Amino acid sequence: MSPADGVVSAERTEAAASGPQPAVRRPSPLWTLSLFRSELTVTLRRWRTLALLGILAVLPVLIGIAVKIETGGGDGGGGGGDGGEGPAFINQITNNGLFLVFTALAATLPFFLPMTVGVVAGDAVAGEASAGTLRYLLVAPAGRTRLLLAKFAALLVFCLLATLVVALSAVLVGAALFPLGDITLLSGVTVPLSEGLLRALAIAVAVAVSLVGLAALGLFVSTLTNSGIAAMSATVGLLITVQIVGAIPQLDVVHPFLFPYHWMSFADLLRAPVPWGDILANAGLQGVYAAVFGSAAWARFTTRDITS
């Protein structure tokens, strides 16, 4: 555990131990909001989290520089109508820097974004246990269910924040290295830059939704152990395993049930009209994972013995 994590843990212990402790009164909604804010603040103050967000912010810079060097700063060929899904967006970056947003999200979604979420989710409960602050948190009148919900809500916000870090970095780099203007969608329709920015924001939200199932899975794993390192490693290991299974054609019968199956559906937001089928299917699949593993995490967390 780093010195910064030790400071955070000490603050959490002191706050929990000195907080209001009435046994007969239920926490007010304002107290619940304060608990959520505390969870989010603690997550974002860890050096590990800041380092992961920093890596996500640097990746669009590397992609933009690589494209700039490869093209020599010249104009790329081809219109938006010939673009494909995922990394094929890279063919359009030299025409419009906004495509760097879509390229960066497509490049980071298979591993870097989910790895970041997996690490944070795996540490959510197990990290508190290993630091010795979990039992002190439960002294406060939150209750295990309320505490777990606060942690899951903080994870959902972090999913969106991590995605927005990539998108914002890509927008700034794209504007600095390439021209910006009206954007030609994958269906061949040209829309103004303002609409392109709105679609980029919608895509960032869609990508964040794609990470919800993994966040719930990581939270469940985090309730199974008192070791933060073990929980983080197990979550990332499960991510890699699912990715490998999803790449084996002989196992295509199970592919639709894997949480990454519809991840690249965000590309449909660059078509006019937008085909919502895969996007909604992705949201539904993530909701199922959140319900199943969120319930499993609740069942485990509310019945386990808290000794640290």
Protein backbone atom coordinates (compact mmCIF):
# COMPACT_ATOMS: atom_id res chain seq x y z
CA MET A 1 0.00 0.00 0.00
CA SER A 2 1.42 3.42 -0.97
CA PRO A 3 1.84 6.29 1.55
CA ALA A 4 -1.02 8.13 -0.16
CA ASP A 5 -3.29 5.13 0.27
CA GLY A 6 -2.26 5.00 3.93
CA VAL A 7 -3.31 8.63 4.41
CA VAL A 8 -6.64 7.95 2.73
CA SER A 9 -7.20 4.86 4.88
CA ALA A 10 -6.40 6.82 8.05
CA GLU A 11 -8.86 9.52 7.03
CA ARG A 12 -11.56 6.92 6.34
CA THR A 13 -10.94 5.26 9.72
CA GLU A 14 -11.10 8.56 11.58
CA ALA A 15 -14.21 9.72 9.71
CA ALA A 16 -16.03 6.45 10.31
CA ALA A 17 -15.07 6.24 13.96
CA SER A 18 -15.97 9.87 14.76
CA GLY A 19 -19.13 10.02 12.65
CA PRO A 20 -22.68 9.86 13.98
CA GLN A 21 -23.46 6.44 15.44
CA PRO A 22 -27.09 6.34 16.56
CA ALA A 23 -28.45 2.82 16.33
CA VAL A 24 -32.12 3.71 16.21
CA ARG A 25 -32.17 6.37 13.49
CA ARG A 26 -31.92 5.65 9.82
CA PRO A 27 -29.42 7.74 7.86
CA SER A 28 -30.94 10.72 6.09
CA PRO A 29 -30.75 11.07 2.28
CA LEU A 30 -28.20 13.84 2.81
CA TRP A 31 -26.02 11.47 4.84
CA THR A 32 -26.33 8.88 2.07
CA LEU A 33 -25.20 11.45 -0.48
CA SER A 34 -22.26 12.30 1.77
CA LEU A 35 -21.33 8.61 1.90
CA PHE A 36 -21.39 8.38 -1.90
CA ARG A 37 -19.28 11.52 -2.20
CA SER A 38 -16.81 10.08 0.29
CA GLU A 39 -16.53 6.84 -1.69
CA LEU A 40 -15.95 8.70 -4.95
CA THR A 41 -13.41 11.04 -3.38
CA VAL A 42 -11.43 8.20 -1.84
CA THR A 43 -11.40 6.35 -5.18
CA LEU A 44 -10.15 9.36 -7.11
CA ARG A 45 -7.48 10.28 -4.55
CA ARG A 46 -5.61 7.00 -4.80
CA TRP A 47 -2.35 7.26 -6.71
CA ARG A 48 -3.13 4.01 -8.52
CA THR A 49 -6.39 5.46 -9.86
CA LEU A 50 -4.74 8.71 -10.90
CA ALA A 51 -1.97 6.80 -12.68
CA LEU A 52 -4.50 4.71 -14.61
CA LEU A 53 -6.44 7.81 -15.64
CA GLY A 54 -3.18 9.42 -16.70
CA ILE A 55 -2.40 6.46 -18.94
CA LEU A 56 -5.86 6.71 -20.51
CA ALA A 57 -5.29 10.41 -21.18
CA VAL A 58 -1.93 9.75 -22.85
CA LEU A 59 -3.17 7.04 -25.23
CA PRO A 60 -5.08 9.45 -27.56
CA VAL A 61 -1.96 11.62 -27.66
CA LEU A 62 0.13 8.67 -28.84
CA ILE A 63 -2.47 7.70 -31.44
CA GLY A 64 -2.73 11.26 -32.74
CA ILE A 65 1.03 11.70 -33.00
CA ALA A 66 1.42 8.34 -34.72
CA VAL A 67 -1.21 9.24 -37.33
CA LYS A 68 0.35 12.68 -37.82
CA ILE A 69 3.80 11.20 -38.39
CA GLU A 70 2.51 8.46 -40.69
CA THR A 71 0.60 10.87 -42.91
CA GLY A 72 3.23 13.57 -42.76
CA GLY A 73 0.53 16.05 -41.86
CA GLY A 74 -1.14 15.61 -45.21
CA ASP A 75 -4.78 14.96 -45.94
CA GLY A 76 -6.06 11.42 -45.66
CA GLY A 77 -8.18 9.98 -48.37
CA GLY A 78 -11.61 8.57 -48.31
CA GLY A 79 -14.90 9.81 -46.96
CA GLY A 80 -16.74 8.81 -43.83
CA GLY A 81 -19.08 6.58 -45.76
CA ASP A 82 -16.40 3.96 -46.34
CA GLY A 83 -15.33 3.79 -42.70
CA GLY A 84 -15.84 0.69 -40.72
CA GLU A 85 -16.31 0.00 -37.07
CA GLY A 86 -13.67 0.19 -34.37
CA PRO A 87 -10.10 1.10 -35.28
CA ALA A 88 -11.10 1.67 -38.94
CA PHE A 89 -11.98 5.21 -37.74
CA ILE A 90 -8.26 5.88 -37.92
CA ASN A 91 -8.56 6.28 -41.70
CA GLN A 92 -10.63 9.43 -41.19
CA ILE A 93 -8.59 11.25 -38.54
CA THR A 94 -6.59 13.33 -41.01
CA ASN A 95 -9.83 14.56 -42.59
CA ASN A 96 -11.42 15.47 -39.27
CA GLY A 97 -9.76 15.44 -35.86
CA LEU A 98 -13.04 14.50 -34.21
CA PHE A 99 -12.55 10.97 -35.50
CA LEU A 100 -9.68 10.67 -33.04
CA VAL A 101 -12.32 10.45 -30.30
CA PHE A 102 -13.94 7.43 -31.93
CA THR A 103 -10.57 5.84 -32.71
CA ALA A 104 -9.27 6.32 -29.17
CA LEU A 105 -12.40 4.86 -27.59
CA ALA A 106 -12.35 1.92 -29.99
CA ALA A 107 -8.66 1.31 -29.25
CA THR A 108 -8.96 1.52 -25.46
CA LEU A 109 -12.29 -0.30 -25.01
CA PRO A 110 -11.05 -3.87 -25.59
CA PHE A 111 -8.46 -3.72 -22.77
CA PHE A 112 -7.23 -0.42 -21.30
CA LEU A 113 -10.61 1.02 -20.24
CA PRO A 114 -11.97 -2.26 -18.81
CA MET A 115 -8.65 -2.99 -17.10
CA THR A 116 -8.84 0.39 -15.36
CA VAL A 117 -12.42 -0.27 -14.25
CA GLY A 118 -11.54 -3.83 -13.21
CA VAL A 119 -8.71 -2.64 -10.98
CA VAL A 120 -10.85 -0.01 -9.27
CA ALA A 121 -13.84 -2.34 -8.89
CA GLY A 122 -11.73 -5.18 -7.52
CA ASP A 123 -10.30 -2.87 -4.88
CA ALA A 124 -13.67 -1.41 -3.81
CA VAL A 125 -14.37 -3.72 -0.86
CA ALA A 126 -11.27 -5.89 -0.62
CA GLY A 127 -9.04 -2.81 -0.51
CA GLU A 128 -10.93 -1.50 2.51
CA ALA A 129 -10.64 -4.89 4.21
CA SER A 130 -6.91 -5.17 3.56
CA ALA A 131 -6.36 -1.62 4.84
CA GLY A 132 -8.35 -2.38 8.01
CA THR A 133 -10.97 0.35 7.44
CA LEU A 134 -13.98 -1.74 6.41
CA ARG A 135 -15.20 -2.61 9.91
CA TYR A 136 -14.86 1.02 10.98
CA LEU A 137 -17.00 2.11 8.05
CA LEU A 138 -19.71 -0.27 9.21
CA VAL A 139 -19.73 1.38 12.65
CA ALA A 140 -21.35 4.40 11.02
CA PRO A 141 -25.12 4.16 10.47
CA ALA A 142 -24.85 3.29 6.81
CA GLY A 143 -25.55 -0.41 6.95
CA ARG A 144 -23.95 -2.89 4.61
CA THR A 145 -26.52 -2.50 1.86
CA ARG A 146 -26.23 1.28 1.79
CA LEU A 147 -22.44 1.11 1.84
CA LEU A 148 -22.37 -1.38 -1.03
CA LEU A 149 -24.78 0.75 -3.08
CA ALA A 150 -22.59 3.80 -2.47
CA LYS A 151 -19.55 1.89 -3.69
CA PHE A 152 -21.37 0.66 -6.80
CA ALA A 153 -22.65 4.16 -7.57
CA ALA A 154 -19.10 5.49 -7.25
CA LEU A 155 -17.95 2.77 -9.67
CA LEU A 156 -20.59 3.81 -12.21
CA VAL A 157 -19.44 7.41 -12.02
CA PHE A 158 -15.85 6.25 -12.41
CA CYS A 159 -16.79 4.31 -15.57
CA LEU A 160 -18.14 7.52 -17.07
CA LEU A 161 -15.19 9.58 -15.84
CA ALA A 162 -12.61 7.18 -17.30
CA THR A 163 -14.40 7.24 -20.66
CA LEU A 164 -14.66 11.03 -20.65
CA VAL A 165 -10.92 11.31 -19.91
CA VAL A 166 -10.19 9.42 -23.13
CA ALA A 167 -12.76 11.39 -25.12
CA LEU A 168 -11.68 14.82 -23.85
CA SER A 169 -8.00 14.07 -24.42
CA ALA A 170 -8.81 12.90 -27.95
CA VAL A 171 -10.84 16.05 -28.70
CA LEU A 172 -7.99 18.31 -27.59
CA VAL A 173 -5.34 16.36 -29.47
CA GLY A 174 -7.52 16.07 -32.56
CA ALA A 175 -8.15 19.82 -32.59
CA ALA A 176 -4.44 20.54 -32.14
CA LEU A 177 -3.12 18.20 -34.84
CA PHE A 178 -5.89 17.93 -37.42
CA PRO A 179 -8.64 20.07 -38.95
CA LEU A 180 -12.09 20.18 -37.39
CA GLY A 181 -15.31 20.78 -39.26
CA ASP A 182 -18.45 19.17 -40.53
CA ILE A 183 -18.27 15.44 -40.04
CA THR A 184 -19.25 12.78 -42.57
CA LEU A 185 -20.92 9.89 -40.79
CA LEU A 186 -20.35 6.25 -41.62
CA SER A 187 -23.61 6.24 -43.55
CA GLY A 188 -22.36 9.07 -45.80
CA VAL A 189 -24.49 11.84 -44.28
CA THR A 190 -22.66 15.07 -43.39
CA VAL A 191 -23.59 16.81 -40.14
CA PRO A 192 -22.27 20.02 -38.55
CA LEU A 193 -19.46 19.94 -36.01
CA SER A 194 -21.87 20.72 -33.16
CA GLU A 195 -23.85 17.57 -33.89
CA GLY A 196 -20.62 15.64 -34.25
CA LEU A 197 -19.60 16.73 -30.74
CA LEU A 198 -22.98 15.67 -29.37
CA ARG A 199 -22.59 12.28 -31.03
CA ALA A 200 -19.10 12.00 -29.52
CA LEU A 201 -20.58 12.65 -26.08
CA ALA A 202 -23.30 10.05 -26.71
CA ILE A 203 -20.64 7.56 -27.76
CA ALA A 204 -18.67 8.22 -24.55
CA VAL A 205 -21.82 7.50 -22.53
CA ALA A 206 -22.47 4.33 -24.55
CA VAL A 207 -18.92 3.14 -23.88
CA ALA A 208 -19.34 3.88 -20.16
CA VAL A 209 -22.53 1.80 -20.15
CA SER A 210 -20.53 -1.04 -21.73
CA LEU A 211 -18.35 -1.15 -18.61
CA VAL A 212 -21.21 -1.51 -16.12
CA GLY A 213 -21.30 -5.31 -16.27
CA LEU A 214 -17.59 -5.57 -15.59
CA ALA A 215 -17.88 -3.11 -12.70
CA ALA A 216 -20.56 -5.29 -11.08
CA LEU A 217 -18.47 -8.41 -11.64
CA GLY A 218 -15.43 -6.75 -10.08
CA LEU A 219 -17.47 -5.59 -7.09
CA PHE A 220 -18.66 -9.15 -6.52
CA VAL A 221 -15.12 -10.50 -6.70
CA SER A 222 -14.07 -7.79 -4.26
CA THR A 223 -16.51 -9.15 -1.65
CA LEU A 224 -14.97 -12.63 -1.82
CA THR A 225 -11.57 -11.81 -0.37
CA ASN A 226 -9.79 -9.51 2.06
CA SER A 227 -6.89 -8.99 -0.32
CA GLY A 228 -7.16 -6.02 -2.65
CA ILE A 229 -4.36 -7.31 -4.88
CA ALA A 230 -6.06 -10.71 -5.22
CA ALA A 231 -9.41 -9.13 -6.10
CA MET A 232 -7.89 -6.79 -8.69
CA SER A 233 -5.87 -9.61 -10.25
CA ALA A 234 -8.88 -11.92 -10.36
CA THR A 235 -11.07 -9.28 -12.00
CA VAL A 236 -8.50 -8.46 -14.67
CA GLY A 237 -7.89 -12.20 -15.14
CA LEU A 238 -11.60 -12.78 -15.71
CA LEU A 239 -11.61 -9.93 -18.23
CA ILE A 240 -8.75 -11.51 -20.18
CA THR A 241 -10.39 -14.93 -20.02
CA VAL A 242 -13.69 -13.60 -21.36
CA GLN A 243 -11.85 -11.79 -24.16
CA ILE A 244 -10.07 -15.01 -25.12
CA VAL A 245 -13.30 -16.99 -25.09
CA GLY A 246 -14.91 -14.31 -27.24
CA ALA A 247 -12.15 -14.68 -29.82
CA ILE A 248 -12.56 -18.46 -30.26
CA PRO A 249 -14.94 -19.18 -33.19
CA GLN A 250 -15.71 -22.68 -31.93
CA LEU A 251 -17.32 -21.13 -28.83
CA ASP A 252 -19.57 -18.74 -30.73
CA VAL A 253 -22.63 -20.25 -29.06
CA VAL A 254 -21.68 -18.54 -25.79
CA HIS A 255 -20.46 -15.27 -27.31
CA PRO A 256 -23.83 -13.45 -27.07
CA PHE A 257 -23.83 -14.04 -23.31
CA LEU A 258 -20.39 -12.47 -22.72
CA PHE A 259 -20.39 -8.88 -21.46
CA PRO A 260 -18.04 -7.58 -24.23
CA TYR A 261 -20.22 -8.98 -27.04
CA HIS A 262 -21.88 -5.67 -28.01
CA TRP A 263 -19.07 -3.34 -26.94
CA MET A 264 -18.40 -2.01 -30.45
CA SER A 265 -22.07 -1.19 -31.02
CA PHE A 266 -21.27 2.44 -30.20
CA ALA A 267 -20.21 2.82 -33.84
CA ASP A 268 -23.90 2.79 -34.78
CA LEU A 269 -24.18 6.26 -33.25
CA LEU A 270 -22.19 7.47 -36.25
CA ARG A 271 -24.91 6.44 -38.66
CA ALA A 272 -28.03 8.30 -39.78
CA PRO A 273 -30.56 7.17 -38.88
CA VAL A 274 -29.13 5.46 -35.82
CA PRO A 275 -29.86 1.70 -35.67
CA TRP A 276 -30.60 1.23 -31.99
CA GLY A 277 -30.82 -2.57 -31.92
CA ASP A 278 -27.27 -3.45 -30.86
CA ILE A 279 -26.95 -0.38 -28.63
CA LEU A 280 -30.05 -1.33 -26.65
CA ALA A 281 -28.98 -4.99 -26.62
CA ASN A 282 -25.67 -3.92 -25.09
CA ALA A 283 -27.43 -1.84 -22.42
CA GLY A 284 -29.72 -4.78 -21.64
CA LEU A 285 -26.83 -7.23 -21.37
CA GLN A 286 -24.92 -4.90 -19.04
CA GLY A 287 -28.08 -4.51 -16.97
CA VAL A 288 -28.38 -8.27 -16.60
CA TYR A 289 -24.76 -8.55 -15.46
CA ALA A 290 -25.27 -5.66 -13.04
CA ALA A 291 -28.39 -7.30 -11.59
CA VAL A 292 -26.87 -10.79 -11.30
CA PHE A 293 -23.46 -9.88 -9.91
CA GLY A 294 -24.76 -6.91 -7.95
CA SER A 295 -27.19 -9.24 -6.18
CA ALA A 296 -24.42 -11.77 -5.62
CA ALA A 297 -22.19 -9.05 -4.17
CA TRP A 298 -25.02 -7.95 -1.85
CA ALA A 299 -25.71 -11.51 -0.73
CA ARG A 300 -22.05 -12.10 0.01
CA PHE A 301 -21.33 -8.74 1.64
CA THR A 302 -24.36 -8.75 3.93
CA THR A 303 -23.65 -12.22 5.29
CA ARG A 304 -19.85 -12.33 5.59
CA ASP A 305 -17.94 -11.83 8.81
CA ILE A 306 -16.08 -8.52 8.77
CA THR A 307 -12.87 -8.95 10.72
CA SER A 308 -10.77 -6.14 9.25
